[in-house]
Amino acid sequence: MQALVNKIWYQGHPLRWLLLPLSWLFAVITYVRRALFRLGIKSQTAMPVPVIVVGNITVGGSGKTPTVIYLIELLRQHGFTPGVISRGYGVDIQGVRTVNLGASAAAVGDEPAMIVARTQVPMVVGAKRVDAANALIAEFGVDVIICDDGLQHYALGRDIELVVIDGQRGLGNGLLLPAGPLREGAWRLDAVDFIVSNGGPAAKGQFEMQLAPTEVKPVKCDSTSGQYSFDKSQPLVAMAGIGNPARFFESLRAQGYQLALCQGFDDHQAYDKTQLRDLAQDLPLLMTEKDAVKCRDFAQENWWYLAVNAKLSPQFDEQLLARLREVAAAKQGNFHGIR
């Protein structure tokens, strides 16, 4: 099914025209929803601290999670105390839930588990992002909230909108769901503060981001790597359950890894030990960091993951920090004025 969807959205498959009437219906629904907020019929809740929404207008992964991690580290380096909120995709959460270090992907979602494992940032997940943001402030006292995804979650007031687009696949065929990959029309990009192009050339007014690989690490948490050591030149099986698995495989080939088999899975795919053991056979298994957090409890000694770090320009850092300081100063002034 995913292969057919990719053909429709990104390779010009004619089936898109049959789905076009449903896209028109989707357009009407999203227009009405935005209008309800614009007219004040639905309310948007402003937070007492700056809110940065990191999202996209397409379905599927575009590099939001590495961008969120980059922002966490950037803000910390400049004296801020950021926290993160997220929906916790694929998890049934009643109310809100704090993401503790070591939390399972099944309990909080794969991306939240990965973000906290990497950064130890304060993080709260919940279906209602306003509730998650309020809980984050109350429990941790953060001075900046980063919302992982949620560009279309208009109930949460936001001060900075950052959209990440896939630099290779772009906006696909440019059509709305289900005929295309768009959650909102391309016009939405004109209304955001920053556009980051992940892994591709940046158009005028955009910032290019590259994902730089780091070291290969064992998936098994308590692994001593006694029996197995990672040899880049040996044949291995690569797997990825992300928005664009081909990007991961192409990156591995470019770095000289010997890929005996490449297996892509759906984004947020759940795994079990037997499934992956059968996939790898006796070969080493190399996966993404997001996949690794879902496999920690049953990983084999020769299962590995390759983490990546986002790289953005100093110009991006300067502009985002300048905008954030403006917002923070304005919110602080409004707060003192109310008092």
C-alpha atoms as a PDB file:
ATOM      1  CA  MET A   1       0.000   0.000   0.000  1.00  0.00           C
ATOM      2  CA  GLN A   2       2.770   2.449   0.921  1.00  0.00           C
ATOM      3  CA  ALA A   3       4.484   1.778  -2.402  1.00  0.00           C
ATOM      4  CA  LEU A   4       1.287   2.662  -4.284  1.00  0.00           C
ATOM      5  CA  VAL A   5       0.809   5.809  -2.208  1.00  0.00           C
ATOM      6  CA  ASN A   6       4.338   6.932  -3.045  1.00  0.00           C
ATOM      7  CA  LYS A   7       3.683   6.374  -6.738  1.00  0.00           C
ATOM      8  CA  ILE A   8       0.514   8.471  -6.562  1.00  0.00           C
ATOM      9  CA  TRP A   9       2.022  11.286  -4.518  1.00  0.00           C
ATOM     10  CA  TYR A  10       5.547  11.484  -5.888  1.00  0.00           C
ATOM     11  CA  GLN A  11       5.729   9.657  -9.228  1.00  0.00           C
ATOM     12  CA  GLY A  12       2.740  10.952 -11.171  1.00  0.00           C
ATOM     13  CA  HIS A  13       0.560   7.829 -11.005  1.00  0.00           C
ATOM     14  CA  PRO A  14      -2.758   8.579 -12.821  1.00  0.00           C
ATOM     15  CA  LEU A  15      -4.808   7.232  -9.901  1.00  0.00           C
ATOM     16  CA  ARG A  16      -4.402  10.674  -8.331  1.00  0.00           C
ATOM     17  CA  TRP A  17      -7.121  12.043 -10.620  1.00  0.00           C
ATOM     18  CA  LEU A  18      -9.662   9.540  -9.283  1.00  0.00           C
ATOM     19  CA  LEU A  19      -8.886  10.733  -5.741  1.00  0.00           C
ATOM     20  CA  LEU A  20      -9.139  14.405  -6.610  1.00  0.00           C
ATOM     21  CA  PRO A  21     -12.827  14.819  -5.559  1.00  0.00           C
ATOM     22  CA  LEU A  22     -11.879  13.604  -2.077  1.00  0.00           C
ATOM     23  CA  SER A  23      -9.095  16.178  -2.028  1.00  0.00           C
ATOM     24  CA  TRP A  24     -11.630  18.889  -2.812  1.00  0.00           C
ATOM     25  CA  LEU A  25     -13.717  17.708   0.124  1.00  0.00           C
ATOM     26  CA  PHE A  26     -10.630  17.743   2.327  1.00  0.00           C
ATOM     27  CA  ALA A  27      -9.914  21.301   1.182  1.00  0.00           C
ATOM     28  CA  VAL A  28     -13.409  22.421   2.214  1.00  0.00           C
ATOM     29  CA  ILE A  29     -13.096  20.783   5.630  1.00  0.00           C
ATOM     30  CA  THR A  30      -9.711  22.363   6.353  1.00  0.00           C
ATOM     31  CA  TYR A  31     -10.900  25.779   5.110  1.00  0.00           C
ATOM     32  CA  VAL A  32     -13.913  25.692   7.423  1.00  0.00           C
ATOM     33  CA  ARG A  33     -11.736  24.633  10.335  1.00  0.00           C
ATOM     34  CA  ARG A  34      -9.278  27.495   9.787  1.00  0.00           C
ATOM     35  CA  ALA A  35     -12.159  29.925   9.386  1.00  0.00           C
ATOM     36  CA  LEU A  36     -13.618  28.906  12.748  1.00  0.00           C
ATOM     37  CA  PHE A  37     -10.369  29.924  14.439  1.00  0.00           C
ATOM     38  CA  ARG A  38      -9.983  33.079  12.369  1.00  0.00           C
ATOM     39  CA  LEU A  39     -13.501  34.208  13.266  1.00  0.00           C
ATOM     40  CA  GLY A  40     -13.052  33.394  16.947  1.00  0.00           C
ATOM     41  CA  ILE A  41     -15.711  30.690  16.981  1.00  0.00           C
ATOM     42  CA  LYS A  42     -12.954  28.295  18.013  1.00  0.00           C
ATOM     43  CA  SER A  43     -10.441  29.788  20.427  1.00  0.00           C
ATOM     44  CA  GLN A  44      -6.670  29.720  20.301  1.00  0.00           C
ATOM     45  CA  THR A  45      -4.827  29.611  23.630  1.00  0.00           C
ATOM     46  CA  ALA A  46      -1.700  31.734  24.007  1.00  0.00           C
ATOM     47  CA  MET A  47       1.083  30.545  26.291  1.00  0.00           C
ATOM     48  CA  PRO A  48       3.011  32.774  28.742  1.00  0.00           C
ATOM     49  CA  VAL A  49       6.299  31.634  27.174  1.00  0.00           C
ATOM     50  CA  PRO A  50       7.317  31.568  23.500  1.00  0.00           C
ATOM     51  CA  VAL A  51       6.061  28.607  21.465  1.00  0.00           C
ATOM     52  CA  ILE A  52       7.984  27.312  18.449  1.00  0.00           C
ATOM     53  CA  VAL A  53       5.998  24.903  16.285  1.00  0.00           C
ATOM     54  CA  VAL A  54       8.112  22.572  14.152  1.00  0.00           C
ATOM     55  CA  GLY A  55       5.875  20.993  11.547  1.00  0.00           C
ATOM     56  CA  ASN A  56       5.253  20.433   7.878  1.00  0.00           C
ATOM     57  CA  ILE A  57       2.456  20.611   5.349  1.00  0.00           C
ATOM     58  CA  THR A  58       3.021  17.111   4.022  1.00  0.00           C
ATOM     59  CA  VAL A  59       2.177  13.709   5.452  1.00  0.00           C
ATOM     60  CA  GLY A  60       5.111  11.602   6.550  1.00  0.00           C
ATOM     61  CA  GLY A  61       8.534  12.335   7.919  1.00  0.00           C
ATOM     62  CA  SER A  62      10.516  15.250   6.573  1.00  0.00           C
ATOM     63  CA  GLY A  63      13.156  15.629   9.270  1.00  0.00           C
ATOM     64  CA  LYS A  64      11.203  17.290  12.065  1.00  0.00           C
ATOM     65  CA  THR A  65      12.705  15.247  14.902  1.00  0.00           C
ATOM     66  CA  PRO A  66      16.371  16.038  14.080  1.00  0.00           C
ATOM     67  CA  THR A  67      15.303  19.676  13.762  1.00  0.00           C
ATOM     68  CA  VAL A  68      13.694  19.608  17.210  1.00  0.00           C
ATOM     69  CA  ILE A  69      16.872  18.120  18.697  1.00  0.00           C
ATOM     70  CA  TYR A  70      18.933  20.799  16.945  1.00  0.00           C
ATOM     71  CA  LEU A  71      16.719  23.533  18.422  1.00  0.00           C
ATOM     72  CA  ILE A  72      16.951  22.052  21.922  1.00  0.00           C
ATOM     73  CA  GLU A  73      20.738  22.173  21.807  1.00  0.00           C
ATOM     74  CA  LEU A  74      20.842  25.610  20.159  1.00  0.00           C
ATOM     75  CA  LEU A  75      18.529  27.174  22.750  1.00  0.00           C
ATOM     76  CA  ARG A  76      20.406  25.626  25.654  1.00  0.00           C
ATOM     77  CA  GLN A  77      23.669  27.018  24.318  1.00  0.00           C
ATOM     78  CA  HIS A  78      22.149  30.506  24.415  1.00  0.00           C
ATOM     79  CA  GLY A  79      20.729  30.431  27.913  1.00  0.00           C
ATOM     80  CA  PHE A  80      17.190  29.202  27.333  1.00  0.00           C
ATOM     81  CA  THR A  81      15.487  26.333  29.152  1.00  0.00           C
ATOM     82  CA  PRO A  82      13.425  24.631  26.451  1.00  0.00           C
ATOM     83  CA  GLY A  83      10.818  21.933  26.842  1.00  0.00           C
ATOM     84  CA  VAL A  84       9.027  19.879  24.212  1.00  0.00           C
ATOM     85  CA  ILE A  85       5.440  18.796  23.664  1.00  0.00           C
ATOM     86  CA  SER A  86       4.126  16.243  21.185  1.00  0.00           C
ATOM     87  CA  ARG A  87       1.050  14.248  20.298  1.00  0.00           C
ATOM     88  CA  GLY A  88       2.748  10.911  20.967  1.00  0.00           C
ATOM     89  CA  TYR A  89       1.759   9.417  17.628  1.00  0.00           C
ATOM     90  CA  GLY A  90       0.184   5.971  17.743  1.00  0.00           C
ATOM     91  CA  VAL A  91      -0.258   5.950  21.531  1.00  0.00           C
ATOM     92  CA  ASP A  92      -3.614   6.204  23.301  1.00  0.00           C
ATOM     93  CA  ILE A  93      -2.931   8.818  25.966  1.00  0.00           C
ATOM     94  CA  GLN A  94      -5.701   9.986  28.255  1.00  0.00           C
ATOM     95  CA  GLY A  95      -4.861  13.515  29.352  1.00  0.00           C
ATOM     96  CA  VAL A  96      -1.123  14.177  29.348  1.00  0.00           C
ATOM     97  CA  ARG A  97       1.938  12.084  30.127  1.00  0.00           C
ATOM     98  CA  THR A  98       5.460  13.098  31.115  1.00  0.00           C
ATOM     99  CA  VAL A  99       8.166  11.454  29.041  1.00  0.00           C
ATOM    100  CA  ASN A 100      10.749  10.133  31.478  1.00  0.00           C
ATOM    101  CA  LEU A 101      14.230   8.976  30.526  1.00  0.00           C
ATOM    102  CA  GLY A 102      13.990   5.339  29.445  1.00  0.00           C
ATOM    103  CA  ALA A 103      10.275   5.557  28.621  1.00  0.00           C
ATOM    104  CA  SER A 104       9.182   3.000  26.061  1.00  0.00           C
ATOM    105  CA  ALA A 105       8.016   3.968  22.614  1.00  0.00           C
ATOM    106  CA  ALA A 106       4.832   1.991  23.274  1.00  0.00           C
ATOM    107  CA  ALA A 107       4.019   4.266  26.216  1.00  0.00           C
ATOM    108  CA  VAL A 108       4.869   7.690  24.802  1.00  0.00           C
ATOM    109  CA  GLY A 109       5.548   7.298  21.069  1.00  0.00           C
ATOM    110  CA  ASP A 110       8.774   6.584  19.227  1.00  0.00           C
ATOM    111  CA  GLU A 111       9.811  10.179  18.522  1.00  0.00           C
ATOM    112  CA  PRO A 112       9.269  11.429  22.115  1.00  0.00           C
ATOM    113  CA  ALA A 113      11.181   8.422  23.474  1.00  0.00           C
ATOM    114  CA  MET A 114      14.025   9.162  21.069  1.00  0.00           C
ATOM    115  CA  ILE A 115      14.124  12.906  21.804  1.00  0.00           C
ATOM    116  CA  VAL A 116      14.321  12.404  25.571  1.00  0.00           C
ATOM    117  CA  ALA A 117      16.833   9.560  25.267  1.00  0.00           C
ATOM    118  CA  ARG A 118      19.100  11.828  23.225  1.00  0.00           C
ATOM    119  CA  THR A 119      18.674  15.146  25.073  1.00  0.00           C
ATOM    120  CA  GLN A 120      17.018  14.498  28.472  1.00  0.00           C
ATOM    121  CA  VAL A 121      14.823  17.504  27.696  1.00  0.00           C
ATOM    122  CA  PRO A 122      11.640  18.070  29.738  1.00  0.00           C
ATOM    123  CA  MET A 123       8.821  16.673  27.611  1.00  0.00           C
ATOM    124  CA  VAL A 124       5.094  16.085  27.887  1.00  0.00           C
ATOM    125  CA  VAL A 125       2.856  14.304  25.386  1.00  0.00           C
ATOM    126  CA  GLY A 126      -0.897  14.459  24.954  1.00  0.00           C
ATOM    127  CA  ALA A 127      -3.635  14.622  22.342  1.00  0.00           C
ATOM    128  CA  LYS A 128      -4.462  18.205  23.355  1.00  0.00           C
ATOM    129  CA  ARG A 129      -1.309  20.218  22.936  1.00  0.00           C
ATOM    130  CA  VAL A 130      -2.615  23.110  25.029  1.00  0.00           C
ATOM    131  CA  ASP A 131      -2.957  20.764  27.998  1.00  0.00           C
ATOM    132  CA  ALA A 132       0.508  19.343  27.310  1.00  0.00           C
ATOM    133  CA  ALA A 133       1.999  22.852  27.159  1.00  0.00           C
ATOM    134  CA  ASN A 134       0.350  23.891  30.433  1.00  0.00           C
ATOM    135  CA  ALA A 135       1.582  20.713  32.130  1.00  0.00           C
ATOM    136  CA  LEU A 136       5.099  21.288  30.799  1.00  0.00           C
ATOM    137  CA  ILE A 137       5.225  24.803  32.240  1.00  0.00           C
ATOM    138  CA  ALA A 138       3.715  23.754  35.564  1.00  0.00           C
ATOM    139  CA  GLU A 139       5.997  20.760  36.081  1.00  0.00           C
ATOM    140  CA  PHE A 140       9.284  22.005  34.665  1.00  0.00           C
ATOM    141  CA  GLY A 141       9.170  25.802  34.494  1.00  0.00           C
ATOM    142  CA  VAL A 142      10.551  25.979  30.954  1.00  0.00           C
ATOM    143  CA  ASP A 143      10.936  29.341  29.241  1.00  0.00           C
ATOM    144  CA  VAL A 144      10.470  28.112  25.643  1.00  0.00           C
ATOM    145  CA  ILE A 145       8.134  25.425  24.323  1.00  0.00           C
ATOM    146  CA  ILE A 146       9.012  23.493  21.186  1.00  0.00           C
ATOM    147  CA  CYS A 147       5.998  21.748  19.697  1.00  0.00           C
ATOM    148  CA  ASP A 148       7.040  18.673  17.731  1.00  0.00           C
ATOM    149  CA  ASP A 149       4.546  18.651  14.855  1.00  0.00           C
ATOM    150  CA  GLY A 150       1.193  20.384  15.320  1.00  0.00           C
ATOM    151  CA  LEU A 151       1.368  23.034  12.597  1.00  0.00           C
ATOM    152  CA  GLN A 152      -2.308  22.369  11.892  1.00  0.00           C
ATOM    153  CA  HIS A 153      -3.224  22.160  15.610  1.00  0.00           C
ATOM    154  CA  TYR A 154      -4.521  25.727  15.708  1.00  0.00           C
ATOM    155  CA  ALA A 155      -5.886  25.564  19.249  1.00  0.00           C
ATOM    156  CA  LEU A 156      -2.325  26.085  20.472  1.00  0.00           C
ATOM    157  CA  GLY A 157      -1.119  29.648  20.056  1.00  0.00           C
ATOM    158  CA  ARG A 158       2.277  29.885  18.474  1.00  0.00           C
ATOM    159  CA  ASP A 159       4.869  32.617  18.130  1.00  0.00           C
ATOM    160  CA  ILE A 160       7.241  31.039  15.617  1.00  0.00           C
ATOM    161  CA  GLU A 161       6.302  28.545  12.921  1.00  0.00           C
ATOM    162  CA  LEU A 162       9.078  26.479  11.366  1.00  0.00           C
ATOM    163  CA  VAL A 163       8.261  24.146   8.477  1.00  0.00           C
ATOM    164  CA  VAL A 164      10.591  21.326   7.444  1.00  0.00           C
ATOM    165  CA  ILE A 165      10.233  20.093   3.871  1.00  0.00           C
ATOM    166  CA  ASP A 166      11.885  17.093   2.252  1.00  0.00           C
ATOM    167  CA  GLY A 167      14.469  18.611  -0.066  1.00  0.00           C
ATOM    168  CA  GLN A 168      14.372  15.566  -2.343  1.00  0.00           C
ATOM    169  CA  ARG A 169      10.640  14.912  -2.587  1.00  0.00           C
ATOM    170  CA  GLY A 170       9.437  18.474  -2.034  1.00  0.00           C
ATOM    171  CA  LEU A 171       5.654  18.801  -2.024  1.00  0.00           C
ATOM    172  CA  GLY A 172       5.122  15.811  -4.290  1.00  0.00           C
ATOM    173  CA  ASN A 173       2.374  16.324  -6.856  1.00  0.00           C
ATOM    174  CA  GLY A 174       1.191  19.442  -5.006  1.00  0.00           C
ATOM    175  CA  LEU A 175      -2.271  18.040  -4.279  1.00  0.00           C
ATOM    176  CA  LEU A 176      -4.107  17.806  -0.978  1.00  0.00           C
ATOM    177  CA  LEU A 177      -4.886  14.525   0.733  1.00  0.00           C
ATOM    178  CA  PRO A 178      -5.666  11.875  -0.395  1.00  0.00           C
ATOM    179  CA  ALA A 179      -4.686  12.598  -4.022  1.00  0.00           C
ATOM    180  CA  GLY A 180      -1.440  14.155  -2.811  1.00  0.00           C
ATOM    181  CA  PRO A 181       0.648  14.414   0.348  1.00  0.00           C
ATOM    182  CA  LEU A 182      -0.399  17.921   1.406  1.00  0.00           C
ATOM    183  CA  ARG A 183      -2.214  18.639   4.663  1.00  0.00           C
ATOM    184  CA  GLU A 184      -2.536  22.274   3.594  1.00  0.00           C
ATOM    185  CA  GLY A 185      -1.910  24.017   0.301  1.00  0.00           C
ATOM    186  CA  ALA A 186       1.494  25.322  -0.707  1.00  0.00           C
ATOM    187  CA  TRP A 187       0.214  28.818   0.113  1.00  0.00           C
ATOM    188  CA  ARG A 188       0.717  27.928   3.795  1.00  0.00           C
ATOM    189  CA  LEU A 189       4.477  28.265   3.365  1.00  0.00           C
ATOM    190  CA  ASP A 190       4.034  32.013   2.781  1.00  0.00           C
ATOM    191  CA  ALA A 191       2.615  32.400   6.292  1.00  0.00           C
ATOM    192  CA  VAL A 192       5.356  30.671   8.313  1.00  0.00           C
ATOM    193  CA  ASP A 193       8.467  32.219   9.827  1.00  0.00           C
ATOM    194  CA  PHE A 194      11.124  29.733   8.712  1.00  0.00           C
ATOM    195  CA  ILE A 195      11.305  27.080   6.007  1.00  0.00           C
ATOM    196  CA  VAL A 196      14.007  24.425   6.290  1.00  0.00           C
ATOM    197  CA  SER A 197      14.833  22.219   3.315  1.00  0.00           C
ATOM    198  CA  ASN A 198      16.130  18.868   4.517  1.00  0.00           C
ATOM    199  CA  GLY A 199      18.741  17.293   2.262  1.00  0.00           C
ATOM    200  CA  GLY A 200      18.112  19.339  -0.821  1.00  0.00           C
ATOM    201  CA  PRO A 201      18.759  22.747  -2.315  1.00  0.00           C
ATOM    202  CA  ALA A 202      17.041  25.575  -0.480  1.00  0.00           C
ATOM    203  CA  ALA A 203      14.933  27.981  -2.501  1.00  0.00           C
ATOM    204  CA  LYS A 204      15.114  31.716  -1.914  1.00  0.00           C
ATOM    205  CA  GLY A 205      14.114  32.528   1.650  1.00  0.00           C
ATOM    206  CA  GLN A 206      14.675  28.943   2.825  1.00  0.00           C
ATOM    207  CA  PHE A 207      17.472  27.399   4.888  1.00  0.00           C
ATOM    208  CA  GLU A 208      19.222  24.217   3.842  1.00  0.00           C
ATOM    209  CA  MET A 209      19.652  21.467   6.429  1.00  0.00           C
ATOM    210  CA  GLN A 210      21.858  18.406   6.136  1.00  0.00           C
ATOM    211  CA  LEU A 211      21.726  15.332   8.354  1.00  0.00           C
ATOM    212  CA  ALA A 212      25.255  14.370   9.332  1.00  0.00           C
ATOM    213  CA  PRO A 213      25.784  10.769  10.494  1.00  0.00           C
ATOM    214  CA  THR A 214      27.461  10.152  13.832  1.00  0.00           C
ATOM    215  CA  GLU A 215      28.901   6.925  15.212  1.00  0.00           C
ATOM    216  CA  VAL A 216      27.249   3.523  14.964  1.00  0.00           C
ATOM    217  CA  LYS A 217      25.988   2.359  18.375  1.00  0.00           C
ATOM    218  CA  PRO A 218      24.537  -0.937  19.667  1.00  0.00           C
ATOM    219  CA  VAL A 219      20.751  -1.027  20.001  1.00  0.00           C
ATOM    220  CA  LYS A 220      20.916  -3.314  23.041  1.00  0.00           C
ATOM    221  CA  CYS A 221      21.043  -0.994  26.040  1.00  0.00           C
ATOM    222  CA  ASP A 222      23.336  -3.136  28.174  1.00  0.00           C
ATOM    223  CA  SER A 223      25.441  -4.380  25.293  1.00  0.00           C
ATOM    224  CA  THR A 224      29.122  -4.819  25.947  1.00  0.00           C
ATOM    225  CA  SER A 225      29.782  -5.596  22.279  1.00  0.00           C
ATOM    226  CA  GLY A 226      32.026  -8.379  23.497  1.00  0.00           C
ATOM    227  CA  GLN A 227      31.137 -10.952  20.889  1.00  0.00           C
ATOM    228  CA  TYR A 228      30.316  -8.521  18.104  1.00  0.00           C
ATOM    229  CA  SER A 229      32.054  -5.413  16.870  1.00  0.00           C
ATOM    230  CA  PHE A 230      30.813  -3.286  14.033  1.00  0.00           C
ATOM    231  CA  ASP A 231      32.749  -3.614  10.799  1.00  0.00           C
ATOM    232  CA  LYS A 232      31.686  -1.122   8.169  1.00  0.00           C
ATOM    233  CA  SER A 233      33.035  -3.270   5.352  1.00  0.00           C
ATOM    234  CA  GLN A 234      30.990  -6.390   6.183  1.00  0.00           C
ATOM    235  CA  PRO A 235      27.651  -7.132   4.484  1.00  0.00           C
ATOM    236  CA  LEU A 236      24.674  -6.044   6.567  1.00  0.00           C
ATOM    237  CA  VAL A 237      20.910  -5.621   6.495  1.00  0.00           C
ATOM    238  CA  ALA A 238      19.574  -2.064   6.701  1.00  0.00           C
ATOM    239  CA  MET A 239      16.059  -1.188   7.835  1.00  0.00           C
ATOM    240  CA  ALA A 240      14.171   2.049   8.327  1.00  0.00           C
ATOM    241  CA  GLY A 241      10.649   2.834   9.489  1.00  0.00           C
ATOM    242  CA  ILE A 242      10.657   6.555   8.693  1.00  0.00           C
ATOM    243  CA  GLY A 243       8.874   8.848   6.269  1.00  0.00           C
ATOM    244  CA  ASN A 244      11.446   8.365   3.519  1.00  0.00           C
ATOM    245  CA  PRO A 245      13.426   5.121   4.070  1.00  0.00           C
ATOM    246  CA  ALA A 246      15.238   5.505   0.744  1.00  0.00           C
ATOM    247  CA  ARG A 247      17.045   8.561   2.114  1.00  0.00           C
ATOM    248  CA  PHE A 248      18.546   6.450   4.913  1.00  0.00           C
ATOM    249  CA  PHE A 249      19.663   3.702   2.537  1.00  0.00           C
ATOM    250  CA  GLU A 250      21.187   6.183   0.082  1.00  0.00           C
ATOM    251  CA  SER A 251      23.077   7.802   2.933  1.00  0.00           C
ATOM    252  CA  LEU A 252      24.510   4.444   4.014  1.00  0.00           C
ATOM    253  CA  ARG A 253      25.675   3.612   0.491  1.00  0.00           C
ATOM    254  CA  ALA A 254      27.293   7.030   0.174  1.00  0.00           C
ATOM    255  CA  GLN A 255      29.255   6.303   3.367  1.00  0.00           C
ATOM    256  CA  GLY A 256      30.520   2.998   2.014  1.00  0.00           C
ATOM    257  CA  TYR A 257      28.352   0.521   3.918  1.00  0.00           C
ATOM    258  CA  GLN A 258      27.860  -2.848   2.246  1.00  0.00           C
ATOM    259  CA  LEU A 259      24.099  -3.359   2.103  1.00  0.00           C
ATOM    260  CA  ALA A 260      23.051  -6.944   1.438  1.00  0.00           C
ATOM    261  CA  LEU A 261      19.384  -6.048   1.915  1.00  0.00           C
ATOM    262  CA  CYS A 262      17.376  -2.868   2.450  1.00  0.00           C
ATOM    263  CA  GLN A 263      13.965  -3.101   4.098  1.00  0.00           C
ATOM    264  CA  GLY A 264      11.715  -0.080   4.423  1.00  0.00           C
ATOM    265  CA  PHE A 265       8.794  -0.032   6.837  1.00  0.00           C
ATOM    266  CA  ASP A 266       5.934   2.388   7.408  1.00  0.00           C
ATOM    267  CA  ASP A 267       6.666   5.415   9.553  1.00  0.00           C
ATOM    268  CA  HIS A 268       6.076   4.621  13.270  1.00  0.00           C
ATOM    269  CA  GLN A 269       6.080   0.886  12.488  1.00  0.00           C
ATOM    270  CA  ALA A 270       5.992  -1.396  15.536  1.00  0.00           C
ATOM    271  CA  TYR A 271       8.408  -4.312  15.546  1.00  0.00           C
ATOM    272  CA  ASP A 272       8.877  -7.635  17.282  1.00  0.00           C
ATOM    273  CA  LYS A 273      11.945  -9.761  17.869  1.00  0.00           C
ATOM    274  CA  THR A 274      10.983 -12.618  15.563  1.00  0.00           C
ATOM    275  CA  GLN A 275      10.168 -10.308  12.667  1.00  0.00           C
ATOM    276  CA  LEU A 276      13.546  -8.575  12.739  1.00  0.00           C
ATOM    277  CA  ARG A 277      15.553 -11.674  13.560  1.00  0.00           C
ATOM    278  CA  ASP A 278      14.060 -13.358  10.492  1.00  0.00           C
ATOM    279  CA  LEU A 279      14.867 -10.266   8.443  1.00  0.00           C
ATOM    280  CA  ALA A 280      18.512 -10.109   9.483  1.00  0.00           C
ATOM    281  CA  GLN A 281      19.221 -13.853   9.630  1.00  0.00           C
ATOM    282  CA  ASP A 282      22.842 -13.987  10.819  1.00  0.00           C
ATOM    283  CA  LEU A 283      23.885 -10.645   9.361  1.00  0.00           C
ATOM    284  CA  PRO A 284      24.324  -7.439  11.364  1.00  0.00           C
ATOM    285  CA  LEU A 285      21.196  -5.268  11.361  1.00  0.00           C
ATOM    286  CA  LEU A 286      21.596  -1.493  11.018  1.00  0.00           C
ATOM    287  CA  MET A 287      18.648   0.818  11.684  1.00  0.00           C
ATOM    288  CA  THR A 288      17.752   4.446  12.406  1.00  0.00           C
ATOM    289  CA  GLU A 289      17.818   5.931  15.880  1.00  0.00           C
ATOM    290  CA  LYS A 290      14.027   6.217  15.854  1.00  0.00           C
ATOM    291  CA  ASP A 291      13.718   2.505  15.097  1.00  0.00           C
ATOM    292  CA  ALA A 292      16.242   1.669  17.808  1.00  0.00           C
ATOM    293  CA  VAL A 293      14.109   3.041  20.658  1.00  0.00           C
ATOM    294  CA  LYS A 294      11.406   0.533  19.713  1.00  0.00           C
ATOM    295  CA  CYS A 295      13.832  -2.410  19.700  1.00  0.00           C
ATOM    296  CA  ARG A 296      15.874  -1.816  22.868  1.00  0.00           C
ATOM    297  CA  ASP A 297      14.109  -4.418  24.990  1.00  0.00           C
ATOM    298  CA  PHE A 298      14.592  -7.334  22.582  1.00  0.00           C
ATOM    299  CA  ALA A 299      17.631  -6.302  20.529  1.00  0.00           C
ATOM    300  CA  GLN A 300      20.314  -8.784  19.564  1.00  0.00           C
ATOM    301  CA  GLU A 301      24.000  -8.114  20.158  1.00  0.00           C
ATOM    302  CA  ASN A 302      24.655  -7.477  16.468  1.00  0.00           C
ATOM    303  CA  TRP A 303      21.867  -4.935  15.988  1.00  0.00           C
ATOM    304  CA  TRP A 304      23.090  -1.378  15.552  1.00  0.00           C
ATOM    305  CA  TYR A 305      21.766   2.095  14.880  1.00  0.00           C
ATOM    306  CA  LEU A 306      23.174   5.159  13.187  1.00  0.00           C
ATOM    307  CA  ALA A 307      22.244   8.487  14.731  1.00  0.00           C
ATOM    308  CA  VAL A 308      22.271  11.714  12.719  1.00  0.00           C
ATOM    309  CA  ASN A 309      22.726  15.352  13.673  1.00  0.00           C
ATOM    310  CA  ALA A 310      21.044  18.233  11.885  1.00  0.00           C
ATOM    311  CA  LYS A 311      23.352  20.871  10.462  1.00  0.00           C
ATOM    312  CA  LEU A 312      22.046  24.367   9.759  1.00  0.00           C
ATOM    313  CA  SER A 313      23.731  27.632   8.897  1.00  0.00           C
ATOM    314  CA  PRO A 314      24.840  30.342  11.351  1.00  0.00           C
ATOM    315  CA  GLN A 315      22.423  32.666   9.542  1.00  0.00           C
ATOM    316  CA  PHE A 316      19.530  30.434  10.544  1.00  0.00           C
ATOM    317  CA  ASP A 317      20.720  30.396  14.165  1.00  0.00           C
ATOM    318  CA  GLU A 318      21.038  34.179  14.267  1.00  0.00           C
ATOM    319  CA  GLN A 319      17.642  34.859  12.737  1.00  0.00           C
ATOM    320  CA  LEU A 320      15.783  32.338  14.881  1.00  0.00           C
ATOM    321  CA  LEU A 321      17.429  33.504  18.111  1.00  0.00           C
ATOM    322  CA  ALA A 322      16.740  37.158  17.255  1.00  0.00           C
ATOM    323  CA  ARG A 323      13.075  36.392  16.601  1.00  0.00           C
ATOM    324  CA  LEU A 324      12.837  34.327  19.787  1.00  0.00           C
ATOM    325  CA  ARG A 325      14.337  37.088  21.924  1.00  0.00           C
ATOM    326  CA  GLU A 326      11.841  39.570  20.482  1.00  0.00           C
ATOM    327  CA  VAL A 327       8.960  37.266  21.361  1.00  0.00           C
ATOM    328  CA  ALA A 328      10.312  36.531  24.847  1.00  0.00           C
ATOM    329  CA  ALA A 329      10.761  40.224  25.614  1.00  0.00           C
ATOM    330  CA  ALA A 330       7.243  41.037  24.416  1.00  0.00           C
ATOM    331  CA  LYS A 331       5.693  38.248  26.479  1.00  0.00           C
ATOM    332  CA  GLN A 332       7.624  39.294  29.562  1.00  0.00           C
ATOM    333  CA  GLY A 333       6.489  42.891  29.096  1.00  0.00           C
ATOM    334  CA  ASN A 334       2.877  41.843  28.694  1.00  0.00           C
ATOM    335  CA  PHE A 335       3.121  39.680  31.808  1.00  0.00           C
ATOM    336  CA  HIS A 336       4.481  42.535  33.928  1.00  0.00           C
ATOM    337  CA  GLY A 337       1.883  44.882  32.450  1.00  0.00           C
ATOM    338  CA  ILE A 338      -0.938  42.573  33.526  1.00  0.00           C
ATOM    339  CA  ARG A 339       0.442  42.408  37.034  1.00  0.00           C
END
